[in-house]
C-alpha atoms as a PDB file:
ATOM      1  CA  TYR A   1      89.564  37.085 189.923  1.00  0.00           C
ATOM      2  CA  GLN A   2      91.914  39.546 188.190  1.00  0.00           C
ATOM      3  CA  PRO A   3      93.273  38.777 185.027  1.00  0.00           C
ATOM      4  CA  GLU A   4      96.878  40.391 184.165  1.00  0.00           C
ATOM      5  CA  TRP A   5      97.484  42.288 181.453  1.00  0.00           C
ATOM      6  CA  ARG A   6     100.139  40.069 179.750  1.00  0.00           C
ATOM      7  CA  HIS A   7      97.304  37.631 178.857  1.00  0.00           C
ATOM      8  CA  PHE A   8      95.943  39.681 176.286  1.00  0.00           C
ATOM      9  CA  PRO A   9      97.446  40.908 173.042  1.00  0.00           C
ATOM     10  CA  ALA A  10      99.081  44.141 172.918  1.00  0.00           C
ATOM     11  CA  HIS A  11      96.730  44.636 169.523  1.00  0.00           C
ATOM     12  CA  TYR A  12      93.632  43.589 170.902  1.00  0.00           C
ATOM     13  CA  ALA A  13      93.755  45.448 173.660  1.00  0.00           C
ATOM     14  CA  ALA A  14      95.468  48.565 172.111  1.00  0.00           C
ATOM     15  CA  ARG A  15      92.105  48.832 169.948  1.00  0.00           C
ATOM     16  CA  ASN A  16      89.734  48.324 173.044  1.00  0.00           C
ATOM     17  CA  LEU A  17      90.774  51.536 174.897  1.00  0.00           C
ATOM     18  CA  SER A  18      89.828  55.082 174.454  1.00  0.00           C
ATOM     19  CA  GLN A  19      92.501  57.198 173.016  1.00  0.00           C
ATOM     20  CA  GLU A  20      93.152  58.908 175.990  1.00  0.00           C
ATOM     21  CA  THR A  21      93.790  55.671 178.083  1.00  0.00           C
ATOM     22  CA  GLN A  22      96.417  54.448 175.335  1.00  0.00           C
ATOM     23  CA  GLN A  23      98.022  58.127 175.652  1.00  0.00           C
ATOM     24  CA  LYS A  24      98.079  57.889 179.246  1.00  0.00           C
ATOM     25  CA  GLY A  25      99.504  54.136 178.948  1.00  0.00           C
ATOM     26  CA  ARG A  26     101.948  55.085 176.522  1.00  0.00           C
ATOM     27  CA  ILE A  27     103.042  57.556 179.417  1.00  0.00           C
ATOM     28  CA  MET A  28     103.439  55.022 181.974  1.00  0.00           C
ATOM     29  CA  LEU A  29     105.329  52.972 180.058  1.00  0.00           C
ATOM     30  CA  LYS A  30     107.818  55.541 179.137  1.00  0.00           C
ATOM     31  CA  LEU A  31     108.083  56.262 182.549  1.00  0.00           C
ATOM     32  CA  SER A  32     108.625  52.822 183.536  1.00  0.00           C
ATOM     33  CA  ALA A  33     111.580  52.594 180.413  1.00  0.00           C
ATOM     34  CA  ILE A  34     113.662  55.872 182.159  1.00  0.00           C
ATOM     35  CA  MET A  35     113.428  54.256 185.520  1.00  0.00           C
ATOM     36  CA  ALA A  36     114.419  50.680 184.084  1.00  0.00           C
ATOM     37  CA  LEU A  37     116.953  53.172 181.870  1.00  0.00           C
ATOM     38  CA  ALA A  38     118.442  55.055 184.905  1.00  0.00           C
ATOM     39  CA  LEU A  39     119.041  52.248 186.910  1.00  0.00           C
ATOM     40  CA  THR A  40     120.706  50.328 184.476  1.00  0.00           C
ATOM     41  CA  VAL A  41     122.956  53.132 184.255  1.00  0.00           C
ATOM     42  CA  SER A  42     123.313  53.832 188.004  1.00  0.00           C
ATOM     43  CA  THR A  43     124.517  50.242 188.222  1.00  0.00           C
ATOM     44  CA  THR A  44     128.611  49.017 187.636  1.00  0.00           C
ATOM     45  CA  ALA A  45     128.666  48.366 184.228  1.00  0.00           C
ATOM     46  CA  THR A  46     130.040  44.339 183.639  1.00  0.00           C
ATOM     47  CA  THR A  47     130.464  44.413 180.106  1.00  0.00           C
ATOM     48  CA  ALA A  48     133.641  44.968 178.664  1.00  0.00           C
ATOM     49  CA  GLY A  49     133.701  47.646 176.207  1.00  0.00           C
ATOM     50  CA  SER A  50     134.650  51.254 176.061  1.00  0.00           C
ATOM     51  CA  HIS A  51     131.898  52.153 173.851  1.00  0.00           C
ATOM     52  CA  TYR A  52     129.351  50.921 176.606  1.00  0.00           C
ATOM     53  CA  ASP A  53     131.241  53.193 179.365  1.00  0.00           C
ATOM     54  CA  GLU A  54     131.655  55.955 176.935  1.00  0.00           C
ATOM     55  CA  GLY A  55     128.017  55.479 176.328  1.00  0.00           C
ATOM     56  CA  VAL A  56     127.353  55.530 180.200  1.00  0.00           C
ATOM     57  CA  ASN A  57     129.405  58.580 181.021  1.00  0.00           C
ATOM     58  CA  ALA A  58     127.492  60.635 178.419  1.00  0.00           C
ATOM     59  CA  TYR A  59     124.301  59.326 179.064  1.00  0.00           C
ATOM     60  CA  LYS A  60     124.692  60.051 182.737  1.00  0.00           C
ATOM     61  CA  THR A  61     125.992  63.602 181.718  1.00  0.00           C
ATOM     62  CA  GLY A  62     123.058  64.289 179.339  1.00  0.00           C
ATOM     63  CA  ASP A  63     124.399  63.801 176.334  1.00  0.00           C
ATOM     64  CA  TYR A  64     122.158  61.437 174.753  1.00  0.00           C
ATOM     65  CA  SER A  65     123.219  61.528 171.355  1.00  0.00           C
ATOM     66  CA  LYS A  66     126.729  60.975 172.210  1.00  0.00           C
ATOM     67  CA  ALA A  67     125.475  58.039 174.462  1.00  0.00           C
ATOM     68  CA  ALA A  68     123.005  56.519 171.297  1.00  0.00           C
ATOM     69  CA  GLY A  69     126.110  56.441 169.145  1.00  0.00           C
ATOM     70  CA  HIS A  70     128.359  54.654 171.662  1.00  0.00           C
ATOM     71  CA  TYR A  71     125.725  52.203 172.687  1.00  0.00           C
ATOM     72  CA  ARG A  72     125.320  51.692 168.913  1.00  0.00           C
ATOM     73  CA  GLN A  73     128.635  50.922 168.568  1.00  0.00           C
ATOM     74  CA  ALA A  74     128.809  48.694 171.481  1.00  0.00           C
ATOM     75  CA  ALA A  75     125.652  46.980 170.776  1.00  0.00           C
ATOM     76  CA  LEU A  76     126.865  45.995 167.640  1.00  0.00           C
ATOM     77  CA  HIS A  77     129.841  44.399 169.079  1.00  0.00           C
ATOM     78  CA  GLY A  78     127.259  42.277 171.012  1.00  0.00           C
ATOM     79  CA  SER A  79     127.061  44.372 174.745  1.00  0.00           C
ATOM     80  CA  VAL A  80     123.857  42.685 175.783  1.00  0.00           C
ATOM     81  CA  MET A  81     123.376  45.920 177.976  1.00  0.00           C
ATOM     82  CA  ALA A  82     124.071  48.555 175.167  1.00  0.00           C
ATOM     83  CA  GLN A  83     122.116  46.694 173.680  1.00  0.00           C
ATOM     84  CA  HIS A  84     119.266  47.218 176.117  1.00  0.00           C
ATOM     85  CA  ASN A  85     120.415  50.746 176.406  1.00  0.00           C
ATOM     86  CA  LEU A  86     120.028  51.332 172.677  1.00  0.00           C
ATOM     87  CA  ALA A  87     115.924  49.641 173.050  1.00  0.00           C
ATOM     88  CA  SER A  88     115.062  52.267 175.888  1.00  0.00           C
ATOM     89  CA  MET A  89     116.865  54.679 173.814  1.00  0.00           C
ATOM     90  CA  TYR A  90     114.741  54.065 170.713  1.00  0.00           C
ATOM     91  CA  PHE A  91     111.645  53.522 172.930  1.00  0.00           C
ATOM     92  CA  MET A  92     112.225  57.240 174.474  1.00  0.00           C
ATOM     93  CA  GLY A  93     113.854  59.078 171.749  1.00  0.00           C
ATOM     94  CA  GLN A  94     116.225  60.068 173.377  1.00  0.00           C
ATOM     95  CA  GLY A  95     119.072  60.830 171.291  1.00  0.00           C
ATOM     96  CA  VAL A  96     117.730  58.832 168.577  1.00  0.00           C
ATOM     97  CA  THR A  97     114.222  59.702 166.721  1.00  0.00           C
ATOM     98  CA  GLU A  98     111.769  57.732 168.751  1.00  0.00           C
ATOM     99  CA  ASN A  99     110.951  54.585 166.698  1.00  0.00           C
ATOM    100  CA  PRO A 100     109.119  51.806 168.564  1.00  0.00           C
ATOM    101  CA  ILE A 101     110.322  49.074 166.278  1.00  0.00           C
ATOM    102  CA  MET A 102     113.892  49.455 166.418  1.00  0.00           C
ATOM    103  CA  ALA A 103     113.468  49.300 170.149  1.00  0.00           C
ATOM    104  CA  TYR A 104     111.963  45.819 170.292  1.00  0.00           C
ATOM    105  CA  MET A 105     114.202  44.843 167.658  1.00  0.00           C
ATOM    106  CA  TRP A 106     117.328  45.855 170.082  1.00  0.00           C
ATOM    107  CA  GLU A 107     115.087  44.807 172.684  1.00  0.00           C
ATOM    108  CA  GLN A 108     114.629  41.182 171.081  1.00  0.00           C
ATOM    109  CA  ILE A 109     118.539  40.794 170.357  1.00  0.00           C
ATOM    110  CA  ALA A 110     119.368  41.290 173.941  1.00  0.00           C
ATOM    111  CA  VAL A 111     117.243  38.981 174.785  1.00  0.00           C
ATOM    112  CA  GLU A 112     118.510  36.072 172.752  1.00  0.00           C
ATOM    113  CA  ASN A 113     121.726  37.391 174.021  1.00  0.00           C
ATOM    114  CA  GLY A 114     120.679  36.421 177.946  1.00  0.00           C
ATOM    115  CA  LEU A 115     119.408  39.600 179.360  1.00  0.00           C
ATOM    116  CA  SER A 116     117.470  38.600 182.194  1.00  0.00           C
ATOM    117  CA  GLY A 117     114.158  40.846 182.883  1.00  0.00           C
ATOM    118  CA  GLY A 118     114.428  41.605 178.757  1.00  0.00           C
ATOM    119  CA  ARG A 119     110.578  39.841 178.174  1.00  0.00           C
ATOM    120  CA  GLY A 120     108.780  42.249 180.170  1.00  0.00           C
ATOM    121  CA  PHE A 121     110.390  45.267 178.306  1.00  0.00           C
ATOM    122  CA  LEU A 122     109.837  43.250 175.015  1.00  0.00           C
ATOM    123  CA  GLU A 123     105.524  42.835 176.223  1.00  0.00           C
ATOM    124  CA  MET A 124     105.605  46.900 176.860  1.00  0.00           C
ATOM    125  CA  TYR A 125     107.455  47.768 173.603  1.00  0.00           C
ATOM    126  CA  GLY A 126     105.252  45.612 171.923  1.00  0.00           C
ATOM    127  CA  PHE A 127     101.693  47.477 173.394  1.00  0.00           C
ATOM    128  CA  GLN A 128     102.689  50.044 171.292  1.00  0.00           C
ATOM    129  CA  LEU A 129     102.390  47.852 168.115  1.00  0.00           C
ATOM    130  CA  SER A 130     100.692  46.021 165.405  1.00  0.00           C
ATOM    131  CA  HIS A 131     101.137  42.321 165.010  1.00  0.00           C
ATOM    132  CA  ASP A 132     102.409  43.111 161.649  1.00  0.00           C
ATOM    133  CA  GLU A 133     105.308  45.884 163.219  1.00  0.00           C
ATOM    134  CA  ILE A 134     106.148  43.327 166.228  1.00  0.00           C
ATOM    135  CA  LYS A 135     106.526  40.640 163.164  1.00  0.00           C
ATOM    136  CA  SER A 136     108.864  43.135 161.375  1.00  0.00           C
ATOM    137  CA  ALA A 137     110.823  44.077 164.492  1.00  0.00           C
ATOM    138  CA  GLN A 138     111.570  40.653 165.046  1.00  0.00           C
ATOM    139  CA  HIS A 139     112.566  39.654 161.329  1.00  0.00           C
ATOM    140  CA  ARG A 140     115.099  42.434 162.100  1.00  0.00           C
ATOM    141  CA  ALA A 141     116.700  40.900 164.838  1.00  0.00           C
ATOM    142  CA  THR A 142     117.038  37.612 163.006  1.00  0.00           C
ATOM    143  CA  THR A 143     118.742  38.864 159.913  1.00  0.00           C
ATOM    144  CA  CYS A 144     120.749  41.452 162.561  1.00  0.00           C
ATOM    145  CA  ALA A 145     122.209  38.983 164.513  1.00  0.00           C
ATOM    146  CA  ARG A 146     122.949  35.983 161.451  1.00  0.00           C
ATOM    147  CA  SER A 147     124.441  39.015 160.181  1.00  0.00           C
ATOM    148  CA  LEU A 148     126.334  39.468 163.188  1.00  0.00           C
ATOM    149  CA  TYR A 149     125.240  42.771 163.487  1.00  0.00           C
ATOM    150  CA  ARG A 150     126.381  43.760 159.754  1.00  0.00           C
ATOM    151  CA  ASP A 151     123.010  44.337 158.448  1.00  0.00           C
ATOM    152  CA  CYS A 152     121.001  45.929 161.454  1.00  0.00           C
ATOM    153  CA  ASP A 153     118.961  47.868 159.001  1.00  0.00           C
ATOM    154  CA  VAL A 154     120.066  50.708 161.997  1.00  0.00           C
ATOM    155  CA  PRO A 155     118.668  54.814 161.505  1.00  0.00           C
ATOM    156  CA  THR A 156     121.276  57.128 161.769  1.00  0.00           C
ATOM    157  CA  ILE A 157     122.016  58.861 165.495  1.00  0.00           C
ATOM    158  CA  GLN A 158     120.898  62.487 165.708  1.00  0.00           C
END
C-alpha cells in the first residue's frame, strides 16, 4: 500500500522534506504547470473574448508580459480559461512576478467558475504555501469574485 500524496497537508509535507527535495519538487511542479499551460494554449479557445485570444497569440510568440496583460483583462471579465492561464503564469513567473499566492487565488476563482481539473492545480500551488498563505489566497479570491472582479488586488504586469 502506498498512500497518495494528496492525503497529506502540503504545509506538513514541505516541513519534513530536505531543502534539496523541496527544490526538486518545486521544479517538477513548475514543469507540470508549463506542460499544462502549453496544452491549454495549444487547444482551440472556446472562451469568447478578444483579450483571451490575444493572450493566447502573445503566449505562443513568447511575449509573456503581453499575454499576461491580455489574460488579466479577460480574467477580470470572467474568462475561466484566462483565470487558469493567469494562475499558471503567476506560478511560473512568466510575464509577471512569480507569486504562488496570486496563482492560488486565480486558480481558486477559475475552479469556482467551473474549471474542470482545476482542483489538482490548487493542490499543486498550495504545496508551496503555508496554511496562512492559502487562507489569504482564498480570502483574496472571495473578495475578488464578490466584487465582480473590481477588487482583485492584482499586482501590475511586468
